[in-house]
Amino acid sequence: MDIDVFIARRKELKLSQVKLCEGICTQATLSKFENNNRIPSLTILSKLCARLGMTVDNLYQSQKNRSAELAATLNLVENQLMAGNYRRVLKELEKINVQDIDAVDLKMQFYYLRGIVNTLVNREPTATLFDFSRILDDLDERHQTLLTQLAFMGSGILYARRQQNITATFYFERVRHYIETLDFQQPQPTMANYHLRVLMLIYFTAEFYAHQRDYRLSNRLLQTGLVLCSDQHVTYYLPQLKFLAAQNALAEHRPYAAVNRQLDEALAFAHVNHNEVIVLKIAALRSQLKQRETAPS
């Protein structure tokens, strides 16, 4: 509730507290509402608003507008995260004060985004784990939302990068089991970025198992991701999935023609999605492949 809207309307009409509350409530009740955020009964509040020519809903409208603007901002930031533009993500998140976020889902989205990006750029782990713990131990303590799985994934990435593979495996196993329970033939949630979030889970879990040299499991996850992209007509995560598939093929000593085919597809989708990070990675890998081909045996 935005009490400032109420106060501004009263002052606009040049009504004193005494005049406004006459016949409705005591001045003390109105003063506590305006100065201490102590909300009176709905009957009293409705009568006060009516005297000001407004409704109780008007007090929530600006808050709704702010929430809608914040949701749009966070969704754009999330898209930048998925495209690998970590510097942009950090810059945009620094503009947001989490104390100004009231909606639980938006607060979880903020903590997940900040936790993931700080993990991926190797920032101080204690603060990063705190962001994930806000989701896991507070905002979604029953672990019922997709944001919990993203927090598990982020924790897994953090521990993997610190060479704590047993702990990392614990988290990625939880994420993998979650992915395997999803039935994409059933109606899916309509929340913004749902499929992109699932694809993020799939990609980083597949990447983890590739680093563990479990290419069979990694490739199985990648296939799940590629099918999801095809069924849902999503191209945003295809460059990453195809590039990892090429890396796996190379590690499994498959023919260079198969590797290059995956790289061609990854490059095409990277251009479509303006994913310069993958474009640069493909160029670097192809340079390595060329050196291998020309190196004397």
Protein backbone atom coordinates (compact mmCIF):
# COMPACT_ATOMS: atom_id res chain seq x y z
CA MET A 1 0.00 0.00 0.00
CA ASP A 2 1.37 3.41 -1.01
CA ILE A 3 0.31 5.75 1.81
CA ASP A 4 2.13 8.64 0.12
CA VAL A 5 -0.59 8.63 -2.55
CA PHE A 6 -3.21 9.12 0.18
CA ILE A 7 -1.26 11.94 1.85
CA ALA A 8 -0.57 13.69 -1.46
CA ARG A 9 -4.28 13.58 -2.36
CA ARG A 10 -5.29 15.01 1.03
CA LYS A 11 -2.82 17.87 0.69
CA GLU A 12 -3.87 18.47 -2.91
CA LEU A 13 -7.44 19.01 -1.67
CA LYS A 14 -6.08 21.16 1.21
CA LEU A 15 -7.84 19.03 3.79
CA SER A 16 -6.48 18.92 7.34
CA GLN A 17 -6.41 15.62 9.20
CA VAL A 18 -9.16 16.95 11.49
CA LYS A 19 -11.42 17.86 8.57
CA LEU A 20 -10.81 14.61 6.68
CA CYS A 21 -11.56 12.27 9.56
CA GLU A 22 -14.59 14.18 10.84
CA GLY A 23 -17.47 11.73 11.40
CA ILE A 24 -15.33 8.77 10.26
CA CYS A 25 -12.60 8.17 12.83
CA THR A 26 -10.40 9.95 15.35
CA GLN A 27 -7.51 12.14 14.26
CA ALA A 28 -5.22 9.78 16.16
CA THR A 29 -6.32 6.90 13.91
CA LEU A 30 -5.62 8.94 10.78
CA SER A 31 -2.29 10.18 12.14
CA LYS A 32 -1.16 6.65 12.93
CA PHE A 33 -2.06 5.64 9.37
CA GLU A 34 -0.18 8.49 7.72
CA ASN A 35 2.84 8.61 10.00
CA ASN A 36 3.29 5.08 11.33
CA ASN A 37 1.80 2.90 8.56
CA ARG A 38 -0.85 1.55 10.94
CA ILE A 39 -3.71 0.68 8.60
CA PRO A 40 -7.25 1.19 10.01
CA SER A 41 -10.17 -1.11 9.29
CA LEU A 42 -11.23 -1.48 5.68
CA THR A 43 -14.53 0.30 6.44
CA ILE A 44 -12.74 3.36 7.83
CA LEU A 45 -10.12 3.39 5.10
CA SER A 46 -12.78 3.12 2.39
CA LYS A 47 -14.70 6.08 3.83
CA LEU A 48 -11.54 8.19 4.08
CA CYS A 49 -10.63 7.39 0.47
CA ALA A 50 -14.16 8.13 -0.71
CA ARG A 51 -13.97 11.57 0.92
CA LEU A 52 -10.78 12.14 -1.06
CA GLY A 53 -12.48 11.03 -4.28
CA MET A 54 -10.49 7.85 -4.62
CA THR A 55 -10.70 4.15 -3.74
CA VAL A 56 -8.57 1.84 -1.63
CA ASP A 57 -7.39 0.23 -4.88
CA ASN A 58 -5.77 3.54 -5.85
CA LEU A 59 -3.39 3.13 -2.91
CA TYR A 60 -2.10 -0.10 -4.42
CA GLN A 61 -1.93 1.09 -8.02
CA SER A 62 1.49 2.76 -7.87
CA GLN A 63 2.87 -0.29 -6.10
CA LYS A 64 1.45 -2.51 -8.84
CA ASN A 65 3.01 -0.26 -11.45
CA ARG A 66 6.40 -0.42 -9.72
CA SER A 67 6.16 -4.20 -9.48
CA ALA A 68 5.33 -4.46 -13.18
CA GLU A 69 8.26 -2.21 -14.11
CA LEU A 70 10.60 -4.18 -11.86
CA ALA A 71 9.41 -7.50 -13.30
CA ALA A 72 10.09 -6.23 -16.82
CA THR A 73 13.56 -5.02 -15.76
CA LEU A 74 14.47 -8.31 -14.08
CA ASN A 75 13.27 -10.30 -17.10
CA LEU A 76 15.50 -8.23 -19.38
CA VAL A 77 18.42 -8.74 -17.00
CA GLU A 78 17.72 -12.47 -17.02
CA ASN A 79 17.87 -12.51 -20.81
CA GLN A 80 21.25 -10.76 -20.64
CA LEU A 81 22.44 -13.40 -18.17
CA MET A 82 21.45 -16.19 -20.53
CA ALA A 83 23.28 -14.46 -23.37
CA GLY A 84 26.45 -14.32 -21.27
CA ASN A 85 26.52 -10.52 -20.91
CA TYR A 86 27.61 -10.68 -17.28
CA ARG A 87 28.98 -7.15 -17.08
CA ARG A 88 25.62 -5.76 -18.18
CA VAL A 89 23.82 -7.97 -15.65
CA LEU A 90 26.02 -6.75 -12.79
CA LYS A 91 25.52 -3.14 -13.81
CA GLU A 92 21.74 -3.42 -13.96
CA LEU A 93 21.42 -5.34 -10.69
CA GLU A 94 23.46 -2.68 -8.88
CA LYS A 95 20.71 -0.19 -9.72
CA ILE A 96 18.10 -2.24 -7.82
CA ASN A 97 17.65 -2.01 -4.05
CA VAL A 98 16.30 -5.37 -2.91
CA GLN A 99 14.68 -3.63 0.07
CA ASP A 100 12.32 -1.95 -2.40
CA ILE A 101 11.04 -5.31 -3.67
CA ASP A 102 7.83 -6.46 -1.97
CA ALA A 103 6.68 -9.36 -4.17
CA VAL A 104 8.20 -12.67 -3.08
CA ASP A 105 8.60 -13.99 -6.63
CA LEU A 106 10.48 -10.88 -7.72
CA LYS A 107 12.66 -10.97 -4.61
CA MET A 108 13.57 -14.59 -5.38
CA GLN A 109 14.31 -13.67 -8.99
CA PHE A 110 16.64 -10.90 -7.84
CA TYR A 111 18.55 -13.15 -5.43
CA TYR A 112 18.84 -15.91 -8.02
CA LEU A 113 20.13 -13.52 -10.69
CA ARG A 114 22.65 -11.88 -8.38
CA GLY A 115 23.78 -15.21 -6.99
CA ILE A 116 24.24 -16.81 -10.41
CA VAL A 117 26.09 -13.91 -12.02
CA ASN A 118 28.39 -13.51 -9.02
CA THR A 119 29.13 -17.24 -9.23
CA LEU A 120 29.89 -17.08 -12.94
CA VAL A 121 32.30 -14.15 -12.54
CA ASN A 122 33.94 -15.81 -9.51
CA ARG A 123 33.07 -13.20 -6.90
CA GLU A 124 33.37 -13.77 -3.15
CA PRO A 125 31.53 -17.05 -2.38
CA THR A 126 30.12 -16.20 1.05
CA ALA A 127 27.91 -13.40 -0.26
CA THR A 128 26.90 -15.54 -3.21
CA LEU A 129 25.83 -18.45 -1.01
CA PHE A 130 23.88 -15.96 1.12
CA ASP A 131 21.80 -15.03 -1.94
CA PHE A 132 21.02 -18.68 -2.62
CA SER A 133 20.24 -19.29 1.07
CA ARG A 134 17.65 -16.50 1.00
CA ILE A 135 15.76 -18.61 -1.51
CA LEU A 136 16.42 -22.04 -0.03
CA ASP A 137 16.02 -21.21 3.66
CA ASP A 138 13.53 -18.35 3.63
CA LEU A 139 11.60 -17.37 0.51
CA ASP A 140 11.05 -20.95 -0.73
CA GLU A 141 11.94 -23.01 2.31
CA ARG A 142 9.66 -25.85 1.15
CA HIS A 143 11.61 -26.02 -2.13
CA GLN A 144 8.54 -25.96 -4.35
CA THR A 145 9.56 -23.48 -7.05
CA LEU A 146 11.89 -23.56 -10.03
CA LEU A 147 13.94 -20.84 -8.33
CA THR A 148 15.03 -23.42 -5.75
CA GLN A 149 16.45 -25.60 -8.53
CA LEU A 150 18.31 -22.59 -9.94
CA ALA A 151 19.74 -21.92 -6.47
CA PHE A 152 20.85 -25.56 -6.26
CA MET A 153 22.45 -25.20 -9.70
CA GLY A 154 24.23 -22.00 -8.72
CA SER A 155 25.55 -23.64 -5.55
CA GLY A 156 26.79 -26.56 -7.64
CA ILE A 157 28.63 -24.26 -10.05
CA LEU A 158 30.25 -22.42 -7.14
CA TYR A 159 31.53 -25.59 -5.46
CA ALA A 160 32.65 -27.10 -8.77
CA ARG A 161 34.76 -24.04 -9.50
CA ARG A 162 36.33 -24.36 -6.06
CA GLN A 163 37.20 -28.00 -6.85
CA GLN A 164 34.80 -29.27 -4.16
CA ASN A 165 33.39 -31.93 -6.44
CA ILE A 166 31.59 -34.03 -3.82
CA THR A 167 29.51 -31.04 -2.72
CA ALA A 168 29.02 -29.90 -6.32
CA THR A 169 27.82 -33.37 -7.31
CA PHE A 170 25.31 -33.32 -4.45
CA TYR A 171 23.67 -30.19 -5.85
CA PHE A 172 23.83 -31.18 -9.52
CA GLU A 173 22.36 -34.59 -8.75
CA ARG A 174 19.35 -32.85 -7.24
CA VAL A 175 18.99 -30.68 -10.32
CA ARG A 176 19.41 -33.65 -12.68
CA HIS A 177 16.70 -35.63 -10.88
CA TYR A 178 14.42 -32.60 -11.10
CA ILE A 179 15.02 -32.31 -14.86
CA GLU A 180 14.26 -35.99 -15.31
CA THR A 181 10.89 -35.61 -13.56
CA LEU A 182 9.70 -32.91 -15.96
CA ASP A 183 7.09 -33.98 -18.48
CA PHE A 184 7.23 -31.57 -21.39
CA GLN A 185 4.20 -33.20 -22.97
CA GLN A 186 2.04 -31.82 -20.18
CA PRO A 187 0.90 -28.17 -19.98
CA GLN A 188 3.75 -26.08 -18.60
CA PRO A 189 3.68 -23.08 -16.25
CA THR A 190 3.07 -19.77 -18.01
CA MET A 191 5.56 -17.76 -15.93
CA ALA A 192 7.95 -15.54 -17.88
CA ASN A 193 11.19 -17.24 -18.89
CA TYR A 194 10.06 -20.68 -17.64
CA HIS A 195 11.51 -22.64 -20.54
CA LEU A 196 14.67 -20.55 -20.60
CA ARG A 197 15.20 -21.27 -16.91
CA VAL A 198 14.77 -24.99 -17.51
CA LEU A 199 17.24 -24.77 -20.38
CA MET A 200 19.70 -22.99 -18.10
CA LEU A 201 19.40 -25.89 -15.64
CA ILE A 202 19.95 -28.37 -18.44
CA TYR A 203 22.95 -26.56 -19.91
CA PHE A 204 24.94 -26.04 -16.72
CA THR A 205 24.14 -29.55 -15.48
CA ALA A 206 25.27 -31.00 -18.81
CA GLU A 207 28.41 -28.86 -18.61
CA PHE A 208 29.15 -30.14 -15.10
CA TYR A 209 28.93 -33.77 -16.18
CA ALA A 210 31.07 -33.02 -19.24
CA HIS A 211 33.76 -31.66 -16.91
CA GLN A 212 33.43 -34.92 -14.96
CA ARG A 213 33.99 -36.74 -18.29
CA ASP A 214 30.58 -38.36 -18.08
CA TYR A 215 29.82 -37.55 -21.72
CA ARG A 216 27.00 -40.08 -21.94
CA LEU A 217 25.01 -38.28 -19.25
CA SER A 218 26.03 -34.86 -20.53
CA ASN A 219 24.90 -35.70 -24.07
CA ARG A 220 21.62 -37.12 -22.79
CA LEU A 221 20.90 -33.84 -21.03
CA LEU A 222 21.87 -31.89 -24.12
CA GLN A 223 19.44 -33.95 -26.18
CA THR A 224 16.70 -33.15 -23.68
CA GLY A 225 17.52 -29.46 -24.09
CA LEU A 226 17.53 -29.62 -27.88
CA VAL A 227 14.15 -31.37 -27.93
CA LEU A 228 12.74 -28.73 -25.58
CA CYS A 229 14.06 -25.96 -27.84
CA SER A 230 12.44 -27.60 -30.85
CA ASP A 231 9.09 -28.31 -29.19
CA GLN A 232 8.77 -24.86 -27.65
CA HIS A 233 10.30 -22.98 -30.60
CA VAL A 234 12.98 -21.50 -28.36
CA THR A 235 16.32 -20.51 -29.90
CA TYR A 236 17.83 -18.50 -27.07
CA TYR A 237 19.84 -21.32 -25.50
CA LEU A 238 20.63 -23.23 -28.68
CA PRO A 239 24.09 -21.67 -29.22
CA GLN A 240 25.30 -22.81 -25.79
CA LEU A 241 23.80 -26.30 -26.16
CA LYS A 242 25.28 -26.81 -29.63
CA PHE A 243 28.68 -25.50 -28.59
CA LEU A 244 28.83 -27.85 -25.61
CA ALA A 245 27.76 -30.70 -27.90
CA ALA A 246 30.72 -29.83 -30.16
CA GLN A 247 33.09 -29.80 -27.19
CA ASN A 248 31.80 -33.20 -26.08
CA ALA A 249 32.19 -34.60 -29.59
CA LEU A 250 35.77 -33.37 -29.67
CA ALA A 251 36.53 -34.87 -26.26
CA GLU A 252 35.07 -38.20 -27.41
CA HIS A 253 37.42 -38.14 -30.43
CA ARG A 254 34.62 -38.01 -32.97
CA PRO A 255 35.44 -37.02 -36.55
CA TYR A 256 36.24 -33.35 -37.08
CA ALA A 257 33.37 -33.21 -39.59
CA ALA A 258 30.90 -33.99 -36.78
CA VAL A 259 32.48 -31.38 -34.53
CA ASN A 260 32.39 -28.74 -37.25
CA ARG A 261 28.75 -29.52 -38.00
CA GLN A 262 27.86 -28.76 -34.39
CA LEU A 263 29.95 -25.59 -34.50
CA ASP A 264 28.24 -24.45 -37.71
CA GLU A 265 24.85 -24.82 -36.07
CA ALA A 266 26.02 -23.13 -32.88
CA LEU A 267 27.39 -20.21 -34.89
CA ALA A 268 24.19 -19.79 -36.88
CA PHE A 269 22.06 -19.59 -33.74
CA ALA A 270 24.60 -17.35 -32.02
CA HIS A 271 24.24 -14.83 -34.84
CA VAL A 272 20.44 -15.05 -34.63
CA ASN A 273 20.54 -14.37 -30.87
CA HIS A 274 23.38 -11.81 -31.08
CA ASN A 275 25.41 -13.99 -28.72
CA GLU A 276 28.91 -12.60 -29.20
CA VAL A 277 30.30 -14.71 -26.36
CA ILE A 278 29.61 -17.97 -28.21
CA VAL A 279 30.82 -16.47 -31.49
CA LEU A 280 34.20 -15.77 -29.88
CA LYS A 281 34.35 -19.22 -28.27
CA ILE A 282 33.63 -20.88 -31.61
CA ALA A 283 36.37 -18.86 -33.31
CA ALA A 284 38.85 -19.87 -30.61
CA LEU A 285 37.94 -23.55 -30.81
CA ARG A 286 38.13 -23.59 -34.59
CA SER A 287 41.56 -21.99 -34.41
CA GLN A 288 42.67 -24.83 -32.11
CA LEU A 289 41.21 -27.41 -34.47
CA LYS A 290 43.04 -25.87 -37.42
CA GLN A 291 46.33 -25.99 -35.52
CA ARG A 292 45.75 -29.67 -34.73
CA GLU A 293 45.01 -30.50 -38.34
CA THR A 294 48.15 -28.75 -39.61
CA ALA A 295 50.45 -29.96 -36.84
CA PRO A 296 52.97 -32.61 -37.93
CA SER A 297 52.07 -36.08 -36.69
